[in-house]
Amino acid sequence: MTMDSEEPVTELEALVSDLSATGSIAFVFGVGSLTTHLRGRTRPVFRGPAERRWWHVEHGAAHSKWVLDVRLDQVGAVRFVREPNPFPSFPGEESLTVRFEGTDGAVLYCYLEALYDGTRLRPERLADWEHLRERYGARDHSTIVNGSLLPVAAAA
């Protein structure tokens, strides 16, 4: 059995680590009005044996911390999405996300935060997102096979 580790052992785990290293992220998961948001800087820990790894995050003070556990073997695809911000409180702004899509249809949205300085898109945050996208295949959509990010057609 693999012990807890901050060191990634697969390409998917490396993406999680690199995404966390970009700075503050808003994690959004759930459906419709039943969503949960976790915001801030995180440091992932990977747990479990190679065939059944977990992405674990603890965020906040001990008396009020949030915990996020994602079964990485249940992630079936990753998408890099640049689109208009879906939240009504940010009209006219873009969002940059990395989406982890479960094999059951569930989605964990990871929004890069602090994208705007007033009304201007901060180029360093866009560069962070573009660098991640380039490093992990320069694709908008990848399928996950044994922890590797593959082009959708190659995975079929």
Protein backbone atom coordinates (compact mmCIF):
# COMPACT_ATOMS: atom_id res chain seq x y z
CA MET A 1 0.00 0.00 0.00
CA THR A 2 1.24 3.49 -0.86
CA MET A 3 1.55 5.91 2.04
CA ASP A 4 0.35 9.53 1.96
CA SER A 5 2.50 11.57 -0.37
CA GLU A 6 2.65 15.09 -1.75
CA GLU A 7 4.66 13.73 -4.67
CA PRO A 8 2.60 12.80 -7.74
CA VAL A 9 3.12 9.38 -9.31
CA THR A 10 0.89 9.77 -12.40
CA GLU A 11 0.33 12.48 -14.97
CA LEU A 12 -3.13 13.16 -13.50
CA GLU A 13 -1.62 13.64 -10.03
CA ALA A 14 1.04 15.93 -11.52
CA LEU A 15 -1.73 18.06 -13.06
CA VAL A 16 -3.45 18.30 -9.66
CA SER A 17 -0.16 19.40 -8.05
CA ASP A 18 0.64 21.91 -10.78
CA LEU A 19 -2.89 23.32 -10.68
CA SER A 20 -2.61 23.80 -6.92
CA ALA A 21 0.75 25.54 -7.36
CA THR A 22 -0.81 28.24 -9.59
CA GLY A 23 -2.34 29.99 -6.58
CA SER A 24 -5.85 30.46 -5.31
CA ILE A 25 -8.46 28.16 -6.83
CA ALA A 26 -12.22 27.94 -6.40
CA PHE A 27 -13.36 24.32 -6.35
CA VAL A 28 -17.04 23.97 -7.26
CA PHE A 29 -18.86 20.67 -7.19
CA GLY A 30 -22.48 19.64 -7.11
CA VAL A 31 -25.50 20.01 -9.35
CA GLY A 32 -27.75 23.05 -9.90
CA SER A 33 -28.42 24.96 -6.70
CA LEU A 34 -26.87 22.16 -4.62
CA THR A 35 -23.25 23.15 -5.04
CA THR A 36 -20.35 23.55 -2.66
CA HIS A 37 -17.46 25.97 -3.06
CA LEU A 38 -14.01 25.67 -1.54
CA ARG A 39 -11.73 28.63 -2.20
CA GLY A 40 -8.09 29.33 -1.57
CA ARG A 41 -4.61 27.92 -1.90
CA THR A 42 -4.30 24.19 -1.43
CA ARG A 43 -1.61 21.57 -1.15
CA PRO A 44 -2.80 18.16 -2.30
CA VAL A 45 -1.87 14.91 -0.62
CA PHE A 46 -2.23 11.67 -2.54
CA ARG A 47 -3.39 8.61 -0.64
CA GLY A 48 -3.97 4.95 -1.24
CA PRO A 49 -2.55 2.15 -3.35
CA ALA A 50 -1.57 2.76 -6.98
CA GLU A 51 -4.81 1.36 -8.38
CA ARG A 52 -7.05 3.37 -6.06
CA ARG A 53 -5.52 6.76 -5.29
CA TRP A 54 -7.25 9.70 -3.60
CA TRP A 55 -6.60 13.42 -4.03
CA HIS A 56 -6.96 14.80 -0.50
CA VAL A 57 -7.10 18.47 0.52
CA GLU A 58 -7.70 20.02 3.93
CA HIS A 59 -8.40 23.74 3.98
CA GLY A 60 -9.03 26.16 6.82
CA ALA A 61 -8.55 26.22 10.57
CA ALA A 62 -8.78 22.99 12.57
CA HIS A 63 -12.18 23.92 14.09
CA SER A 64 -13.74 24.82 10.73
CA LYS A 65 -11.74 23.07 8.05
CA TRP A 66 -13.13 21.74 4.80
CA VAL A 67 -11.96 18.42 3.40
CA LEU A 68 -11.98 17.44 -0.25
CA ASP A 69 -11.38 13.82 -1.26
CA VAL A 70 -11.49 12.84 -4.92
CA ARG A 71 -11.02 9.26 -6.11
CA LEU A 72 -8.57 9.76 -8.98
CA ASP A 73 -9.33 6.35 -10.47
CA GLN A 74 -12.90 7.62 -10.96
CA VAL A 75 -11.79 10.61 -13.06
CA GLY A 76 -12.54 9.75 -16.69
CA ALA A 77 -11.65 13.01 -18.43
CA VAL A 78 -10.07 16.43 -17.94
CA ARG A 79 -11.15 19.57 -19.78
CA PHE A 80 -9.47 22.95 -20.00
CA VAL A 81 -12.23 25.50 -20.53
CA ARG A 82 -12.03 29.24 -21.26
CA GLU A 83 -15.52 30.73 -21.46
CA PRO A 84 -17.72 33.58 -20.22
CA ASN A 85 -18.02 33.48 -16.44
CA PRO A 86 -21.20 31.55 -15.55
CA PHE A 87 -21.75 33.44 -12.28
CA PRO A 88 -24.13 36.43 -12.56
CA SER A 89 -22.03 38.48 -10.13
CA PHE A 90 -19.24 38.65 -12.75
CA PRO A 91 -20.92 40.01 -15.92
CA GLY A 92 -18.63 40.35 -18.91
CA GLU A 93 -15.75 38.44 -17.32
CA GLU A 94 -14.20 35.20 -18.49
CA SER A 95 -13.51 32.11 -16.44
CA LEU A 96 -10.59 29.73 -16.76
CA THR A 97 -11.26 26.25 -15.43
CA VAL A 98 -9.78 22.81 -15.30
CA ARG A 99 -12.65 20.34 -15.05
CA PHE A 100 -12.24 16.87 -13.65
CA GLU A 101 -15.07 14.72 -15.00
CA GLY A 102 -16.04 11.55 -13.19
CA THR A 103 -16.83 8.30 -14.91
CA ASP A 104 -20.33 8.71 -13.41
CA GLY A 105 -20.88 12.17 -14.94
CA ALA A 106 -19.94 14.17 -11.82
CA VAL A 107 -17.73 17.22 -12.39
CA LEU A 108 -15.28 19.03 -10.12
CA TYR A 109 -14.76 22.55 -11.49
CA CYS A 110 -11.46 24.21 -10.58
CA TYR A 111 -11.58 27.95 -11.34
CA LEU A 112 -8.39 29.96 -11.30
CA GLU A 113 -9.10 32.93 -9.04
CA ALA A 114 -7.99 36.55 -9.12
CA LEU A 115 -8.27 36.70 -12.90
CA TYR A 116 -9.14 40.38 -13.04
CA ASP A 117 -7.45 43.55 -11.89
CA GLY A 118 -10.42 45.90 -12.01
CA THR A 119 -11.84 45.19 -15.46
CA ARG A 120 -8.60 43.98 -17.09
CA LEU A 121 -7.73 40.29 -17.38
CA ARG A 122 -4.51 39.65 -15.45
CA PRO A 123 -2.07 38.25 -18.03
CA GLU A 124 -0.14 36.18 -15.46
CA ARG A 125 -3.26 34.18 -14.51
CA LEU A 126 -4.07 33.54 -18.17
CA ALA A 127 -0.43 32.48 -18.66
CA ASP A 128 -0.73 30.05 -15.71
CA TRP A 129 -3.78 28.40 -17.28
CA GLU A 130 -2.26 28.31 -20.77
CA HIS A 131 0.98 26.83 -19.40
CA LEU A 132 -0.97 24.04 -17.68
CA ARG A 133 -2.93 23.34 -20.85
CA GLU A 134 0.26 23.19 -22.94
CA ARG A 135 2.09 21.01 -20.41
CA TYR A 136 -0.73 18.47 -20.36
CA GLY A 137 -1.16 17.90 -24.08
CA ALA A 138 -2.29 21.32 -25.41
CA ARG A 139 -5.81 19.90 -25.67
CA ASP A 140 -9.16 21.13 -24.45
CA HIS A 141 -10.29 17.57 -23.70
CA SER A 142 -8.27 14.55 -22.54
CA THR A 143 -9.39 11.10 -21.51
CA ILE A 144 -7.75 9.52 -18.47
CA VAL A 145 -6.34 6.01 -18.83
CA ASN A 146 -4.33 4.60 -15.90
CA GLY A 147 -3.51 8.12 -14.70
CA SER A 148 -2.33 9.36 -18.11
CA LEU A 149 -3.99 12.17 -20.08
CA LEU A 150 -4.61 10.99 -23.62
CA PRO A 151 -6.26 12.53 -26.68
CA VAL A 152 -9.90 11.46 -26.81
CA ALA A 153 -9.48 9.61 -30.14
CA ALA A 154 -6.37 7.76 -28.90
CA ALA A 155 -8.19 6.42 -25.86
CA ALA A 156 -10.94 4.73 -27.92
